[in-house]
């Protein structure tokens, strides 16, 4: 790909009841109600994206340092995901290259309609891997459950999945719905539903009669009826403190170094306002613009938010110069 903003988008998933289910074993995955995201391997670099928009291209520069290029889609609402990929860039890049994994698809869990346990928020849940065939000809989706995928090494999470093996010919829609309800009971909270996939068909390169991949969703009636209404179980909006902390420390460090370099390479206390101003501008671009839209426009105390971001910038600058002196 010559244009680094181009990537392979994930396909639209239609309701299972609209299609006959394929024969063979089916994988039923927990359908999370977050924001679709992905990581694509691009000639030694990693492209982080949403369902439709490229967010950032992460690579290694000539000096061996990690370089992140924020792309046209900005970084709004996904700063934490970009930071997560940055933190494990070398290991993730090398693993994808070694295993022929060209794309990782998952859900970046931010508040929408379902209220999840607090520990689940702002994590990346992997649900599909696009892998090159051993022959080098073509690609196929692989079940992350059956692939040697080291989730913990990269700070990623597994999506709960159950494999259904048919007794007579094929799995029925009733079996899928029964499994969805059992999964909800197992998890202990209301879920959106499940996604049903045939990885056997993926490996064979077979598609349905419309030429599409065998993957469908089973959305529970309670979710379909309450989504977007007052009856929906909404997660609490993020606090100003949580928003301020979502800005990657790497961004603050970059602005600190830029300002110091532009002023003769020597830090002075009078440079702190410049550093705070640069960091705040980045924060607005990377976190706020569009991010609040993704979070259903929560009410935010902007004055308090700026105070907290400025505080992070000031503390970083003073600790950074202190570490340099100690060294």
Protein backbone atom coordinates (compact mmCIF):
# COMPACT_ATOMS: atom_id res chain seq x y z
CA UNK A 1 0.00 0.00 0.00
CA UNK A 2 1.48 3.34 -1.02
CA UNK A 3 -1.03 5.44 0.87
CA UNK A 4 -0.53 4.74 4.58
CA UNK A 5 -4.09 5.88 5.31
CA UNK A 6 -5.51 2.93 3.35
CA UNK A 7 -6.30 -0.31 5.16
CA UNK A 8 -8.47 -3.42 4.86
CA UNK A 9 -11.80 -2.57 6.49
CA UNK A 10 -13.79 -5.15 8.41
CA UNK A 11 -16.96 -6.29 6.70
CA UNK A 12 -20.50 -5.46 7.71
CA UNK A 13 -22.15 -8.10 9.90
CA UNK A 14 -25.81 -8.91 9.27
CA UNK A 15 -28.38 -10.58 11.52
CA UNK A 16 -28.08 -14.36 11.73
CA UNK A 17 -31.82 -14.84 11.32
CA UNK A 18 -31.63 -13.39 7.80
CA UNK A 19 -29.36 -16.18 6.57
CA UNK A 20 -29.16 -19.98 6.74
CA UNK A 21 -26.26 -21.02 8.95
CA UNK A 22 -23.48 -22.99 7.22
CA UNK A 23 -22.76 -26.64 8.03
CA UNK A 24 -19.90 -27.57 10.32
CA UNK A 25 -18.62 -26.16 13.59
CA UNK A 26 -19.43 -22.53 14.39
CA UNK A 27 -17.72 -20.18 16.81
CA UNK A 28 -20.00 -17.97 18.91
CA UNK A 29 -18.19 -14.90 20.25
CA UNK A 30 -19.32 -12.34 22.82
CA UNK A 31 -20.34 -9.22 20.85
CA UNK A 32 -18.96 -6.24 22.74
CA UNK A 33 -20.65 -2.85 22.44
CA UNK A 34 -17.62 -0.62 21.98
CA UNK A 35 -15.79 0.91 19.00
CA UNK A 36 -14.41 -1.31 16.27
CA UNK A 37 -10.67 -0.89 15.75
CA UNK A 38 -7.78 -2.68 14.11
CA UNK A 39 -4.02 -2.91 13.66
CA UNK A 40 -2.62 -3.57 10.19
CA UNK A 41 0.96 -4.60 9.41
CA UNK A 42 2.38 -2.34 6.70
CA UNK A 43 5.99 -3.04 5.65
CA UNK A 44 7.47 -2.88 9.14
CA UNK A 45 5.02 -0.28 10.42
CA UNK A 46 1.70 -0.70 12.23
CA UNK A 47 -1.39 1.24 11.19
CA UNK A 48 -3.97 1.76 13.95
CA UNK A 49 -7.49 2.51 12.74
CA UNK A 50 -11.17 2.65 13.61
CA UNK A 51 -13.91 0.99 11.56
CA UNK A 52 -13.54 3.57 8.79
CA UNK A 53 -10.67 5.92 9.66
CA UNK A 54 -6.88 5.66 9.92
CA UNK A 55 -5.69 6.98 13.30
CA UNK A 56 -1.92 6.61 13.49
CA UNK A 57 1.02 4.96 11.75
CA UNK A 58 3.68 3.71 14.17
CA UNK A 59 7.17 2.85 12.93
CA UNK A 60 10.85 2.99 13.85
CA UNK A 61 12.85 6.02 12.70
CA UNK A 62 16.50 6.10 11.56
CA UNK A 63 17.75 6.52 15.13
CA UNK A 64 15.89 3.46 16.40
CA UNK A 65 13.21 5.46 18.19
CA UNK A 66 9.49 4.80 17.86
CA UNK A 67 7.85 7.40 15.63
CA UNK A 68 4.09 7.93 15.60
CA UNK A 69 2.41 9.79 12.77
CA UNK A 70 -1.10 10.98 13.64
CA UNK A 71 -3.16 10.66 10.46
CA UNK A 72 -6.19 12.41 9.03
CA UNK A 73 -8.61 10.70 11.37
CA UNK A 74 -6.88 12.24 14.37
CA UNK A 75 -6.66 10.27 17.57
CA UNK A 76 -9.90 11.27 19.26
CA UNK A 77 -11.25 8.73 21.72
CA UNK A 78 -8.53 6.23 20.82
CA UNK A 79 -5.42 7.79 22.38
CA UNK A 80 -5.25 4.90 24.83
CA UNK A 81 -5.23 2.32 22.03
CA UNK A 82 -2.50 4.14 20.10
CA UNK A 83 -0.45 4.39 23.30
CA UNK A 84 -0.98 0.66 23.94
CA UNK A 85 0.35 -0.24 20.49
CA UNK A 86 3.29 2.16 20.94
CA UNK A 87 4.24 0.52 24.24
CA UNK A 88 4.59 -2.93 22.66
CA UNK A 89 5.43 -1.85 19.11
CA UNK A 90 8.62 -3.84 18.51
CA UNK A 91 7.32 -7.09 20.01
CA UNK A 92 3.94 -6.79 18.26
CA UNK A 93 5.46 -5.88 14.89
CA UNK A 94 7.94 -8.76 15.04
CA UNK A 95 5.27 -11.25 16.13
CA UNK A 96 2.89 -10.24 13.33
CA UNK A 97 5.67 -10.53 10.76
CA UNK A 98 6.88 -13.91 12.08
CA UNK A 99 3.38 -15.44 12.08
CA UNK A 100 2.11 -13.95 8.84
CA UNK A 101 -0.57 -11.94 10.65
CA UNK A 102 -1.47 -9.02 8.42
CA UNK A 103 -4.36 -7.65 10.46
CA UNK A 104 -5.70 -7.75 14.01
CA UNK A 105 -9.35 -6.76 14.48
CA UNK A 106 -10.97 -6.05 17.81
CA UNK A 107 -13.14 -3.81 19.95
CA UNK A 108 -11.80 -0.77 21.83
CA UNK A 109 -14.18 -0.75 24.75
CA UNK A 110 -15.49 2.75 25.44
CA UNK A 111 -18.97 3.63 26.78
CA UNK A 112 -21.88 3.22 24.40
CA UNK A 113 -25.09 1.46 25.46
CA UNK A 114 -24.06 -1.53 27.57
CA UNK A 115 -22.80 -1.02 31.11
CA UNK A 116 -19.80 -3.31 31.65
CA UNK A 117 -17.83 -3.97 34.85
CA UNK A 118 -15.40 -1.11 35.56
CA UNK A 119 -12.27 -3.21 34.95
CA UNK A 120 -13.24 -3.82 31.31
CA UNK A 121 -13.18 -0.23 30.04
CA UNK A 122 -10.54 1.14 27.63
CA UNK A 123 -9.07 -2.20 26.73
CA UNK A 124 -8.59 -3.81 23.31
CA UNK A 125 -10.50 -7.08 22.83
CA UNK A 126 -9.27 -9.14 19.87
CA UNK A 127 -11.91 -11.05 17.90
CA UNK A 128 -10.31 -11.80 14.51
CA UNK A 129 -6.90 -12.31 12.91
CA UNK A 130 -6.32 -12.03 9.17
CA UNK A 131 -3.41 -14.35 8.33
CA UNK A 132 -1.49 -15.11 5.15
CA UNK A 133 -1.88 -18.63 3.78
CA UNK A 134 1.26 -20.75 4.19
CA UNK A 135 1.47 -20.94 0.41
CA UNK A 136 1.76 -17.17 0.31
CA UNK A 137 -1.31 -16.98 -1.89
CA UNK A 138 -4.22 -15.17 -0.31
CA UNK A 139 -5.32 -14.57 3.28
CA UNK A 140 -7.82 -16.13 5.68
CA UNK A 141 -9.43 -15.24 8.99
CA UNK A 142 -8.19 -17.33 11.90
CA UNK A 143 -9.83 -17.91 15.26
CA UNK A 144 -7.68 -16.15 17.90
CA UNK A 145 -8.71 -18.94 20.30
CA UNK A 146 -6.94 -21.58 18.20
CA UNK A 147 -4.01 -19.41 17.08
CA UNK A 148 -0.90 -18.99 19.28
CA UNK A 149 -1.79 -15.40 20.11
CA UNK A 150 0.01 -14.01 23.21
CA UNK A 151 -2.62 -11.51 24.35
CA UNK A 152 -0.89 -10.58 27.59
CA UNK A 153 2.43 -9.77 25.90
CA UNK A 154 0.76 -6.87 24.12
CA UNK A 155 -1.75 -5.81 26.78
CA UNK A 156 -4.68 -7.12 24.72
CA UNK A 157 -7.74 -9.05 25.93
CA UNK A 158 -9.53 -12.19 24.73
CA UNK A 159 -13.14 -12.16 23.58
CA UNK A 160 -15.13 -14.94 25.24
CA UNK A 161 -15.98 -17.57 22.64
CA UNK A 162 -17.82 -20.91 22.53
CA UNK A 163 -17.52 -23.48 19.74
CA UNK A 164 -20.73 -25.23 18.67
CA UNK A 165 -20.33 -28.64 17.00
CA UNK A 166 -23.45 -29.86 15.17
CA UNK A 167 -24.83 -33.33 15.86
CA UNK A 168 -26.81 -33.59 12.65
CA UNK A 169 -25.60 -31.53 9.72
CA UNK A 170 -25.53 -27.98 11.05
CA UNK A 171 -26.05 -25.71 14.01
CA UNK A 172 -29.53 -24.17 14.23
CA UNK A 173 -30.55 -20.59 15.00
CA UNK A 174 -32.18 -21.89 18.17
CA UNK A 175 -28.85 -23.32 19.34
CA UNK A 176 -27.15 -20.00 18.68
CA UNK A 177 -29.75 -18.06 20.69
CA UNK A 178 -29.55 -20.61 23.53
CA UNK A 179 -25.75 -20.19 23.59
CA UNK A 180 -26.07 -16.40 23.59
CA UNK A 181 -28.38 -16.50 26.61
CA UNK A 182 -26.11 -18.98 28.41
CA UNK A 183 -23.12 -16.70 27.78
CA UNK A 184 -25.02 -13.74 29.23
CA UNK A 185 -25.83 -15.78 32.32
CA UNK A 186 -22.19 -16.87 32.64
CA UNK A 187 -20.87 -13.30 32.39
CA UNK A 188 -23.38 -12.01 34.92
CA UNK A 189 -24.47 -8.83 33.13
CA UNK A 190 -26.68 -7.85 30.19
CA UNK A 191 -24.87 -8.22 26.86
CA UNK A 192 -25.59 -6.96 23.34
CA UNK A 193 -25.46 -10.44 21.86
CA UNK A 194 -22.99 -12.66 20.01
CA UNK A 195 -21.27 -12.99 16.64
CA UNK A 196 -21.41 -16.34 14.84
CA UNK A 197 -18.51 -17.35 12.57
CA UNK A 198 -17.41 -20.29 10.44
CA UNK A 199 -13.61 -20.35 10.46
CA UNK A 200 -13.76 -23.65 8.56
CA UNK A 201 -15.31 -21.81 5.61
CA UNK A 202 -12.77 -18.98 5.99
CA UNK A 203 -9.86 -21.42 5.62
CA UNK A 204 -11.44 -22.94 2.52
CA UNK A 205 -12.13 -19.51 1.07
CA UNK A 206 -15.84 -20.31 0.76
CA UNK A 207 -18.49 -17.58 0.90
CA UNK A 208 -22.27 -17.51 1.12
CA UNK A 209 -24.56 -17.11 -1.87
CA UNK A 210 -24.00 -13.35 -1.79
CA UNK A 211 -20.23 -13.77 -1.95
CA UNK A 212 -19.81 -12.70 1.68
CA UNK A 213 -18.00 -14.28 4.59
CA UNK A 214 -19.99 -16.62 6.85
CA UNK A 215 -20.24 -14.32 9.88
CA UNK A 216 -23.49 -13.13 11.45
CA UNK A 217 -24.70 -11.49 14.65
CA UNK A 218 -27.32 -12.58 17.16
CA UNK A 219 -28.52 -9.44 18.96
CA UNK A 220 -30.72 -10.01 21.99
CA UNK A 221 -34.17 -8.36 21.86
CA UNK A 222 -33.65 -6.45 25.12
CA UNK A 223 -30.61 -4.70 23.69
CA UNK A 224 -32.23 -3.96 20.32
CA UNK A 225 -35.24 -2.40 22.02
CA UNK A 226 -33.37 -0.25 24.53
CA UNK A 227 -30.34 0.89 22.53
CA UNK A 228 -30.30 4.65 22.35
CA UNK A 229 -33.30 5.04 24.66
CA UNK A 230 -33.69 6.05 28.26
CA UNK A 231 -34.06 2.39 29.15
CA UNK A 232 -30.56 1.53 27.99
CA UNK A 233 -27.93 0.70 30.58
CA UNK A 234 -25.45 3.50 29.96
CA UNK A 235 -21.97 3.47 31.42
CA UNK A 236 -21.00 6.49 33.53
CA UNK A 237 -19.19 9.22 31.57
CA UNK A 238 -15.45 9.56 32.18
CA UNK A 239 -14.28 12.00 34.84
CA UNK A 240 -12.03 14.96 34.05
CA UNK A 241 -9.24 13.13 35.87
CA UNK A 242 -9.67 10.05 33.68
CA UNK A 243 -9.69 12.14 30.50
CA UNK A 244 -6.53 14.01 31.56
CA UNK A 245 -4.76 10.73 32.34
CA UNK A 246 -5.71 9.27 28.95
CA UNK A 247 -3.19 11.54 27.20
CA UNK A 248 -0.06 9.41 26.58
CA UNK A 249 3.03 10.50 28.53
CA UNK A 250 4.94 10.11 25.27
CA UNK A 251 3.01 13.12 23.89
CA UNK A 252 4.02 15.29 26.84
CA UNK A 253 7.64 14.21 26.47
CA UNK A 254 7.64 15.10 22.76
CA UNK A 255 6.36 18.62 23.43
CA UNK A 256 8.79 19.11 26.31
CA UNK A 257 11.74 18.17 24.06
CA UNK A 258 10.43 20.34 21.21
CA UNK A 259 10.17 23.45 23.39
CA UNK A 260 13.54 22.89 25.07
CA UNK A 261 15.25 22.29 21.72
CA UNK A 262 13.74 25.50 20.30
CA UNK A 263 15.18 27.44 23.23
CA UNK A 264 18.83 26.45 23.02
CA UNK A 265 18.49 22.95 24.48
CA UNK A 266 18.47 24.11 28.08
CA UNK A 267 15.38 23.80 30.29
CA UNK A 268 14.28 26.84 32.28
CA UNK A 269 11.22 27.32 34.43
CA UNK A 270 9.94 30.08 32.16
CA UNK A 271 9.44 27.47 29.43
CA UNK A 272 6.73 25.64 31.39
CA UNK A 273 3.84 27.81 30.06
CA UNK A 274 4.97 27.05 26.48
CA UNK A 275 5.12 23.34 27.24
CA UNK A 276 1.67 23.42 28.84
CA UNK A 277 0.24 25.26 25.83
CA UNK A 278 1.69 22.78 23.34
CA UNK A 279 0.49 19.78 25.36
CA UNK A 280 -3.01 21.24 25.75
CA UNK A 281 -3.28 21.74 21.98
CA UNK A 282 -2.29 18.10 21.46
CA UNK A 283 -4.76 16.99 24.10
CA UNK A 284 -7.62 18.80 22.36
CA UNK A 285 -6.64 17.21 19.03
CA UNK A 286 -5.90 13.69 20.26
CA UNK A 287 -8.47 13.22 22.99
CA UNK A 288 -11.28 15.78 22.88
CA UNK A 289 -12.04 16.38 19.21
CA UNK A 290 -14.53 13.68 18.32
CA UNK A 291 -13.77 11.74 21.48
CA UNK A 292 -16.58 13.41 23.38
CA UNK A 293 -18.88 12.67 20.46
CA UNK A 294 -17.99 8.98 20.79
CA UNK A 295 -18.90 9.22 24.47
CA UNK A 296 -22.34 10.70 23.72
CA UNK A 297 -21.31 14.29 24.57
CA UNK A 298 -20.79 14.02 28.33
CA UNK A 299 -20.74 17.29 30.25
CA UNK A 300 -17.09 18.20 30.88
CA UNK A 301 -15.66 20.93 33.09
CA UNK A 302 -13.13 22.32 30.60
CA UNK A 303 -11.47 24.63 33.14
CA UNK A 304 -10.85 21.72 35.52
CA UNK A 305 -9.73 19.53 32.63
CA UNK A 306 -7.15 22.10 31.50
CA UNK A 307 -5.91 22.48 35.06
CA UNK A 308 -5.31 18.75 35.30
CA UNK A 309 -3.57 18.53 31.91
CA UNK A 310 -1.39 21.55 32.79
CA UNK A 311 -0.55 19.89 36.09
CA UNK A 312 0.61 16.77 34.25
CA UNK A 313 2.76 18.89 31.93
CA UNK A 314 4.34 20.88 34.78
CA UNK A 315 5.04 17.76 36.87
CA UNK A 316 6.57 15.95 33.90
CA UNK A 317 8.87 18.88 33.03
CA UNK A 318 10.15 19.28 36.61
CA UNK A 319 10.65 15.53 37.08
CA UNK A 320 12.36 15.19 33.71
CA UNK A 321 14.95 17.88 34.43
CA UNK A 322 15.40 16.48 37.93
CA UNK A 323 16.19 13.04 36.48
CA UNK A 324 18.68 14.60 34.05
CA UNK A 325 20.49 16.37 36.90
CA UNK A 326 20.57 13.17 38.97
CA UNK A 327 22.02 11.25 36.03
